[in-house]
C-alpha atoms as a PDB file:
ATOM      1  CA  ARG A   1       0.702  10.563 -13.556  1.00  0.00           C
ATOM      2  CA  ALA A   2      -1.163  13.845 -15.675  1.00  0.00           C
ATOM      3  CA  VAL A   3      -4.253  13.310 -13.846  1.00  0.00           C
ATOM      4  CA  ALA A   4      -2.704  12.976 -10.588  1.00  0.00           C
ATOM      5  CA  TRP A   5      -1.371  15.906 -10.756  1.00  0.00           C
ATOM      6  CA  LEU A   6      -4.419  17.761 -12.394  1.00  0.00           C
ATOM      7  CA  ASP A   7      -7.490  16.135  -9.792  1.00  0.00           C
ATOM      8  CA  ALA A   8      -5.900  13.430  -7.209  1.00  0.00           C
ATOM      9  CA  ARG A   9      -8.107  14.280  -5.019  1.00  0.00           C
ATOM     10  CA  GLY A  10     -11.308  14.839  -7.979  1.00  0.00           C
ATOM     11  CA  ASN A  11     -10.281  11.008  -8.989  1.00  0.00           C
ATOM     12  CA  LEU A  12      -9.047   8.381  -6.062  1.00  0.00           C
ATOM     13  CA  SER A  13     -11.403   6.029  -6.645  1.00  0.00           C
ATOM     14  CA  TRP A  14      -9.850   5.980 -10.756  1.00  0.00           C
ATOM     15  CA  LEU A  15      -5.979   5.884  -9.369  1.00  0.00           C
ATOM     16  CA  GLN A  16      -7.204   3.179  -6.131  1.00  0.00           C
ATOM     17  CA  ALA A  17      -8.842   1.139  -9.818  1.00  0.00           C
ATOM     18  CA  ALA A  18      -4.784   1.572 -11.113  1.00  0.00           C
ATOM     19  CA  VAL A  19      -2.463   0.674  -7.805  1.00  0.00           C
ATOM     20  CA  ALA A  20      -3.983  -2.905  -9.436  1.00  0.00           C
ATOM     21  CA  ASP A  21      -2.366  -2.568 -12.907  1.00  0.00           C
ATOM     22  CA  ALA A  22      -0.132  -5.699 -14.177  1.00  0.00           C
ATOM     23  CA  ARG A  23       2.222  -2.780 -15.121  1.00  0.00           C
ATOM     24  CA  GLY A  24       4.476  -1.906 -12.222  1.00  0.00           C
ATOM     25  CA  ARG A  25       5.305   1.766 -13.657  1.00  0.00           C
ATOM     26  CA  VAL A  26       1.587   2.475 -13.489  1.00  0.00           C
ATOM     27  CA  SER A  27       1.288   0.514 -10.492  1.00  0.00           C
ATOM     28  CA  ARG A  28       3.615   3.315  -9.193  1.00  0.00           C
ATOM     29  CA  ALA A  29       2.290   5.753 -10.211  1.00  0.00           C
ATOM     30  CA  ALA A  30      -0.988   5.394  -9.138  1.00  0.00           C
ATOM     31  CA  ARG A  31       0.645   4.457  -5.234  1.00  0.00           C
ATOM     32  CA  ASP A  32       2.317   7.656  -5.403  1.00  0.00           C
ATOM     33  CA  ALA A  33      -0.760   9.545  -6.378  1.00  0.00           C
ATOM     34  CA  VAL A  34      -2.908   8.059  -3.372  1.00  0.00           C
ATOM     35  CA  GLU A  35      -0.116   8.031  -0.907  1.00  0.00           C
ATOM     36  CA  PRO A  36      -0.768  11.189   0.434  1.00  0.00           C
ATOM     37  CA  TYR A  37      -4.678  10.551   0.392  1.00  0.00           C
ATOM     38  CA  VAL A  38      -5.079   7.314   2.724  1.00  0.00           C
ATOM     39  CA  THR A  39      -7.558   7.149   5.605  1.00  0.00           C
ATOM     40  CA  PRO A  40      -8.431   4.247   7.873  1.00  0.00           C
ATOM     41  CA  ALA A  41     -11.151   4.525   5.869  1.00  0.00           C
ATOM     42  CA  ASP A  42      -9.638   2.605   3.313  1.00  0.00           C
ATOM     43  CA  LYS A  43      -7.422  -0.642   5.163  1.00  0.00           C
ATOM     44  CA  GLU A  44      -9.841  -3.076   3.662  1.00  0.00           C
ATOM     45  CA  HIS A  45      -9.722  -1.970   0.123  1.00  0.00           C
ATOM     46  CA  LEU A  46      -6.367  -1.604   0.255  1.00  0.00           C
ATOM     47  CA  TRP A  47      -4.808  -5.300   2.265  1.00  0.00           C
ATOM     48  CA  SER A  48      -7.777  -6.888  -0.807  1.00  0.00           C
ATOM     49  CA  LEU A  49      -4.861  -5.082  -3.249  1.00  0.00           C
ATOM     50  CA  VAL A  50      -2.932  -6.690  -1.450  1.00  0.00           C
ATOM     51  CA  THR A  51      -4.382 -10.101  -0.662  1.00  0.00           C
ATOM     52  CA  ALA A  52      -6.486 -11.001  -4.514  1.00  0.00           C
ATOM     53  CA  PRO A  53      -4.885 -13.853  -5.442  1.00  0.00           C
ATOM     54  CA  THR A  54      -4.288 -11.463  -9.045  1.00  0.00           C
ATOM     55  CA  SER A  55      -3.073  -9.431  -7.549  1.00  0.00           C
ATOM     56  CA  ALA A  56       1.604  -9.226  -9.260  1.00  0.00           C
ATOM     57  CA  ALA A  57       4.648  -8.500  -6.338  1.00  0.00           C
ATOM     58  CA  HIS A  58       4.461  -4.596  -7.452  1.00  0.00           C
ATOM     59  CA  VAL A  59       0.881  -4.352  -6.812  1.00  0.00           C
ATOM     60  CA  GLN A  60       0.966  -6.336  -3.661  1.00  0.00           C
ATOM     61  CA  ARG A  61       4.275  -4.393  -1.949  1.00  0.00           C
ATOM     62  CA  ASN A  62       2.359  -1.193  -3.248  1.00  0.00           C
ATOM     63  CA  GLY A  63      -0.448  -1.475  -1.041  1.00  0.00           C
ATOM     64  CA  LEU A  64       1.411  -2.761   1.460  1.00  0.00           C
ATOM     65  CA  ALA A  65       2.944   0.737   0.700  1.00  0.00           C
ATOM     66  CA  LEU A  66      -0.199   2.652   1.190  1.00  0.00           C
ATOM     67  CA  LEU A  67      -1.229   0.671   4.632  1.00  0.00           C
ATOM     68  CA  ALA A  68       2.340   1.323   5.844  1.00  0.00           C
ATOM     69  CA  GLN A  69       0.612   5.440   5.631  1.00  0.00           C
ATOM     70  CA  LEU A  70      -2.416   4.761   8.215  1.00  0.00           C
ATOM     71  CA  ASP A  71      -1.018   4.701  12.100  1.00  0.00           C
ATOM     72  CA  LYS A  72       0.725   2.118  13.049  1.00  0.00           C
ATOM     73  CA  TRP A  73      -1.254   0.084  14.719  1.00  0.00           C
ATOM     74  CA  THR A  74      -4.124   0.046  12.094  1.00  0.00           C
ATOM     75  CA  ARG A  75      -0.983  -1.417   9.904  1.00  0.00           C
ATOM     76  CA  ILE A  76       0.870  -3.667  11.819  1.00  0.00           C
ATOM     77  CA  PRO A  77      -2.074  -6.939  11.685  1.00  0.00           C
ATOM     78  CA  PHE A  78      -2.243  -6.505   8.226  1.00  0.00           C
ATOM     79  CA  PHE A  79       1.389  -6.903   7.960  1.00  0.00           C
ATOM     80  CA  VAL A  80       1.554  -9.703  10.620  1.00  0.00           C
ATOM     81  CA  SER A  81      -1.245 -11.065   8.546  1.00  0.00           C
ATOM     82  CA  ALA A  82       1.249 -10.485   5.148  1.00  0.00           C
ATOM     83  CA  ALA A  83       4.120 -12.067   6.889  1.00  0.00           C
ATOM     84  CA  ALA A  84       2.598 -15.254   8.032  1.00  0.00           C
ATOM     85  CA  SER A  85       0.612 -15.982   4.101  1.00  0.00           C
ATOM     86  CA  PRO A  86       1.611 -19.637   2.963  1.00  0.00           C
ATOM     87  CA  ASP A  87       2.754 -17.536  -0.129  1.00  0.00           C
ATOM     88  CA  ALA A  88       6.324 -17.325  -0.353  1.00  0.00           C
ATOM     89  CA  GLN A  89       6.541 -13.155  -1.715  1.00  0.00           C
ATOM     90  CA  LEU A  90       3.654 -11.966  -0.206  1.00  0.00           C
ATOM     91  CA  ALA A  91       4.959 -13.457   4.246  1.00  0.00           C
ATOM     92  CA  SER A  92       9.019 -12.055   2.201  1.00  0.00           C
ATOM     93  CA  GLN A  93       6.777  -8.034   1.825  1.00  0.00           C
ATOM     94  CA  GLY A  94       5.143  -8.791   5.416  1.00  0.00           C
ATOM     95  CA  ASP A  95       8.220  -9.378   6.924  1.00  0.00           C
ATOM     96  CA  ASP A  96      10.243  -6.482   4.722  1.00  0.00           C
ATOM     97  CA  ALA A  97       7.696  -4.809   6.301  1.00  0.00           C
ATOM     98  CA  VAL A  98       7.317  -5.959  10.058  1.00  0.00           C
ATOM     99  CA  ASP A  99      11.445  -5.630  10.163  1.00  0.00           C
ATOM    100  CA  ASP A 100      11.731  -2.001   8.756  1.00  0.00           C
ATOM    101  CA  ARG A 101      11.313  -0.265  11.994  1.00  0.00           C
ATOM    102  CA  ARG A 102      10.636   3.327   9.887  1.00  0.00           C
ATOM    103  CA  VAL A 103       7.110   2.145   8.415  1.00  0.00           C
ATOM    104  CA  ILE A 104       6.903   0.455  11.641  1.00  0.00           C
ATOM    105  CA  GLU A 105       7.335   3.162  14.132  1.00  0.00           C
ATOM    106  CA  HIS A 106       7.888   6.278  11.245  1.00  0.00           C
ATOM    107  CA  ALA A 107       5.336   6.030   8.701  1.00  0.00           C
ATOM    108  CA  ALA A 108       2.445   7.733  10.192  1.00  0.00           C
ATOM    109  CA  HIS A 109       5.004  10.507  11.183  1.00  0.00           C
ATOM    110  CA  PRO A 110       6.582  10.941   8.303  1.00  0.00           C
ATOM    111  CA  ALA A 111       8.552  14.577   8.616  1.00  0.00           C
ATOM    112  CA  ASP A 112      10.040  12.586  11.817  1.00  0.00           C
ATOM    113  CA  GLU A 113      12.563  10.547   9.775  1.00  0.00           C
END
């Protein structure tokens, strides 16, 4: 967290890698630090976090949460793909993301919530 507080923008590549950390608290702190800086250019990297065979459930969840920061038409295909995954845990998280109206309609506009 200290790295994120001091210079999140300057350490984005390190923080993005930390989202995949096996420790849930580290992954969540990295997600929180990266969230304001997510851009459409990050979508493939974020999707790779979600779909990596070694990704723990918290990494998948944090990857989907970061994808939720993208505009609606960019994020929906990722959520639908997650929901259609043969991995039951990922499919459940994808279903939740698709079903969550706040994620679908308002993630790009958090002030509207």
